[in-house]
Amino acid sequence: MSAIIRKIVTVVEETQMEMGRQVSPPTRRAAAIAVIENPFAGQYVEDLSPLIAIGEELGELLSKRAVAALGIDGAKAQSYGKAAAVGENGELEHAAAILHPKMGAPVRKVLSKGAALIPSSKKRSGPGTTLDIPLGHKDAAFVRSHFDGMEVQINDAPRANEIMVAVAVTDSGRPLPRVGGLTVAEIKGEDGLR
């Protein structure tokens, strides 16, 4: 089963100034969001494998769109995250089926690596909901400068029988990070933590 996509929205956020200080180079993050039909809306289905396959499909599509929006090679991406919101006739397990079993592998392929878990969030909500996409460094979860999030919203999604699915990538960490911890220069990228 392929995703039946109603719309795709891509958002790029560039921060050039923070607390009156210039951010140089600017921090940039992009999210690609797909609004899809929920094939299991309004019903309990034991086998969610069609949604798992849709997650794999959207992992590739959305990560490619987000990287393209930043105008960088996928290997240059530093952080990533994913999120989904099911409409009122769906269940949280529908979002989990899309986000967890198979979405990560195609995202990592587009980004040429990704040893760390991809941070995620899911919820049930209605049109105009805010989707908070958690972000973390793709190769080392302990890089505090990359503990972040990106907020996205589509005014008419998700409708009752839809799922809104997002993948976000960045070319940097937070603007002006200074809370210590492992730095990007210290990353080994072997265990997903350091």
Protein backbone atom coordinates (compact mmCIF):
# COMPACT_ATOMS: atom_id res chain seq x y z
CA MET A 1 0.00 0.00 0.00
CA SER A 2 1.31 3.43 -0.94
CA ALA A 3 0.45 6.58 0.94
CA ILE A 4 -2.44 8.58 -0.47
CA ILE A 5 -1.02 12.07 -0.05
CA ARG A 6 -3.33 15.10 0.03
CA LYS A 7 -0.55 17.64 0.38
CA ILE A 8 3.11 18.12 1.19
CA VAL A 9 4.37 21.24 2.95
CA THR A 10 8.05 22.15 3.34
CA VAL A 11 9.20 24.73 5.88
CA VAL A 12 12.66 26.27 6.27
CA GLU A 13 13.59 28.25 9.35
CA GLU A 14 16.80 30.33 9.41
CA THR A 15 17.90 32.12 12.57
CA GLN A 16 20.22 35.05 11.90
CA MET A 17 20.00 36.82 15.25
CA GLU A 18 19.37 35.60 18.80
CA MET A 19 19.12 37.84 21.88
CA GLY A 20 20.57 40.76 19.92
CA ARG A 21 23.60 38.73 18.81
CA GLN A 22 24.42 37.82 15.24
CA VAL A 23 24.31 34.07 14.52
CA SER A 24 27.05 33.36 12.01
CA PRO A 25 26.61 31.24 10.10
CA PRO A 26 22.84 31.28 10.57
CA THR A 27 21.28 28.10 11.97
CA ARG A 28 18.91 26.43 9.56
CA ARG A 29 16.37 23.69 9.91
CA ALA A 30 13.81 22.30 7.50
CA ALA A 31 10.76 20.12 7.88
CA ALA A 32 8.84 18.28 5.20
CA ILE A 33 5.31 17.35 6.20
CA ALA A 34 2.95 15.00 4.37
CA VAL A 35 -0.78 14.89 5.01
CA ILE A 36 -2.00 11.41 4.16
CA GLU A 37 -5.21 9.43 4.23
CA ASN A 38 -5.41 7.10 7.23
CA PRO A 39 -6.47 3.75 5.71
CA PHE A 40 -7.52 2.49 9.16
CA ALA A 41 -9.42 5.54 10.42
CA GLY A 42 -12.46 4.62 12.50
CA GLN A 43 -11.61 0.96 12.85
CA TYR A 44 -9.44 -1.36 14.89
CA VAL A 45 -7.04 -3.34 12.71
CA GLU A 46 -4.64 -5.86 14.19
CA ASP A 47 -2.13 -5.89 11.31
CA LEU A 48 -0.62 -2.43 10.84
CA SER A 49 2.00 -3.55 8.31
CA PRO A 50 0.55 -1.32 5.55
CA LEU A 51 1.23 1.73 7.77
CA ILE A 52 4.74 0.42 8.48
CA ALA A 53 5.37 0.29 4.71
CA ILE A 54 3.99 3.83 4.37
CA GLY A 55 6.47 4.94 7.05
CA GLU A 56 9.33 3.56 4.99
CA GLU A 57 8.03 5.32 1.86
CA LEU A 58 7.57 8.65 3.65
CA GLY A 59 10.96 8.39 5.38
CA GLU A 60 12.69 8.59 2.02
CA LEU A 61 10.34 11.14 0.45
CA LEU A 62 10.26 13.57 3.37
CA SER A 63 13.95 13.43 4.24
CA LYS A 64 14.87 14.10 0.60
CA ARG A 65 12.47 17.08 0.56
CA ALA A 66 13.86 18.50 3.81
CA VAL A 67 17.49 18.15 2.69
CA ALA A 68 16.67 19.73 -0.67
CA ALA A 69 14.96 22.65 1.11
CA LEU A 70 18.20 23.30 3.01
CA GLY A 71 20.16 23.11 -0.25
CA ILE A 72 22.78 20.79 1.24
CA ASP A 73 24.07 17.30 0.61
CA GLY A 74 22.40 14.82 2.97
CA ALA A 75 25.74 13.98 4.58
CA LYS A 76 26.01 17.61 5.75
CA ALA A 77 22.82 17.38 7.83
CA GLN A 78 23.57 17.43 11.55
CA SER A 79 20.29 16.81 13.39
CA TYR A 80 17.09 14.99 12.66
CA GLY A 81 13.67 14.27 14.10
CA LYS A 82 10.25 12.93 13.17
CA ALA A 83 6.67 13.37 14.34
CA ALA A 84 3.09 12.50 13.46
CA ALA A 85 -0.41 13.59 14.40
CA VAL A 86 -3.39 11.35 13.73
CA GLY A 87 -6.82 12.83 13.20
CA GLU A 88 -9.63 12.10 15.66
CA ASN A 89 -10.69 8.87 13.90
CA GLY A 90 -7.20 7.40 14.16
CA GLU A 91 -5.26 5.93 17.05
CA LEU A 92 -1.78 6.67 18.36
CA GLU A 93 -0.66 3.22 17.24
CA HIS A 94 -1.23 4.33 13.64
CA ALA A 95 1.35 7.10 14.14
CA ALA A 96 3.70 4.65 15.88
CA ALA A 97 3.44 2.21 12.97
CA ILE A 98 4.48 4.94 10.55
CA LEU A 99 7.26 6.43 12.69
CA HIS A 100 9.03 3.50 14.27
CA PRO A 101 9.58 0.13 12.57
CA LYS A 102 10.89 1.20 9.14
CA MET A 103 10.99 4.98 8.73
CA GLY A 104 14.51 5.38 10.12
CA ALA A 105 16.49 3.35 7.57
CA PRO A 106 15.56 5.47 4.52
CA VAL A 107 16.11 8.69 6.49
CA ARG A 108 19.60 7.52 7.47
CA LYS A 109 20.32 6.51 3.87
CA VAL A 110 19.41 10.00 2.61
CA LEU A 111 21.65 11.53 5.30
CA SER A 112 24.53 9.08 4.65
CA LYS A 113 24.61 8.06 8.32
CA GLY A 114 22.71 8.39 11.55
CA ALA A 115 23.99 6.29 14.42
CA ALA A 116 21.69 7.92 17.00
CA LEU A 117 18.01 7.16 17.51
CA ILE A 118 15.76 9.57 15.64
CA PRO A 119 13.83 11.57 18.26
CA SER A 120 10.08 11.38 17.73
CA SER A 121 6.69 12.48 19.00
CA LYS A 122 3.12 11.54 18.22
CA LYS A 123 -0.34 12.71 19.18
CA ARG A 124 -4.01 12.71 18.21
CA SER A 125 -5.39 16.09 17.24
CA GLY A 126 -7.43 18.07 14.74
CA PRO A 127 -6.91 20.59 11.96
CA GLY A 128 -4.42 23.34 12.71
CA THR A 129 -2.64 21.42 15.44
CA THR A 130 0.94 22.30 16.23
CA LEU A 131 3.35 19.46 15.69
CA ASP A 132 6.51 19.63 17.82
CA ILE A 133 9.33 17.72 16.13
CA PRO A 134 12.09 16.88 18.60
CA LEU A 135 15.62 17.16 17.21
CA GLY A 136 18.91 15.54 18.15
CA HIS A 137 22.32 15.08 16.55
CA LYS A 138 22.15 12.28 13.99
CA ASP A 139 25.37 10.56 15.06
CA ALA A 140 25.72 11.29 18.78
CA ALA A 141 22.77 11.69 21.12
CA PHE A 142 24.92 13.33 23.83
CA VAL A 143 25.66 16.48 21.80
CA ARG A 144 23.70 18.99 23.91
CA SER A 145 24.04 21.82 21.41
CA HIS A 146 21.70 19.87 19.15
CA PHE A 147 18.94 19.13 21.73
CA ASP A 148 16.26 21.14 20.01
CA GLY A 149 12.84 21.10 18.39
CA MET A 150 10.97 22.50 15.45
CA GLU A 151 7.34 23.53 15.51
CA VAL A 152 5.22 23.14 12.36
CA GLN A 153 1.55 23.63 11.61
CA ILE A 154 -0.76 23.13 8.65
CA ASN A 155 -4.02 25.04 9.01
CA ASP A 156 -6.27 22.28 7.65
CA ALA A 157 -4.52 19.14 8.89
CA PRO A 158 -4.96 16.56 10.08
CA ARG A 159 -8.59 16.07 9.21
CA ALA A 160 -10.46 13.32 11.09
CA ASN A 161 -9.39 10.56 8.68
CA GLU A 162 -5.83 11.77 8.06
CA ILE A 163 -2.35 11.54 9.49
CA MET A 164 0.16 14.38 9.37
CA VAL A 165 3.73 13.03 9.18
CA ALA A 166 6.90 15.14 9.42
CA VAL A 167 10.66 14.70 9.10
CA ALA A 168 12.98 17.54 10.09
CA VAL A 169 16.71 18.01 9.46
CA THR A 170 19.16 20.76 10.36
CA ASP A 171 22.53 22.00 9.18
CA SER A 172 23.57 23.01 12.72
CA GLY A 173 22.60 22.99 16.38
CA ARG A 174 20.80 25.70 18.37
CA PRO A 175 21.84 29.31 17.91
CA LEU A 176 24.54 30.35 20.41
CA PRO A 177 24.79 27.04 22.35
CA ARG A 178 26.66 27.21 25.65
CA VAL A 179 25.47 24.53 28.06
CA GLY A 180 28.51 22.26 27.72
CA GLY A 181 28.59 18.57 26.99
CA LEU A 182 30.00 16.66 24.06
CA THR A 183 30.88 18.91 21.12
CA VAL A 184 30.46 18.17 17.41
CA ALA A 185 34.26 18.03 17.10
CA GLU A 186 34.39 15.25 19.73
CA ILE A 187 31.86 12.93 18.05
CA LYS A 188 33.03 9.37 17.37
CA GLY A 189 29.72 8.36 15.77
CA GLU A 190 30.05 4.67 16.60
CA ASP A 191 27.40 3.89 19.23
CA GLY A 192 24.87 6.63 18.56
CA LEU A 193 25.62 8.23 21.93
CA ARG A 194 29.08 9.83 21.66
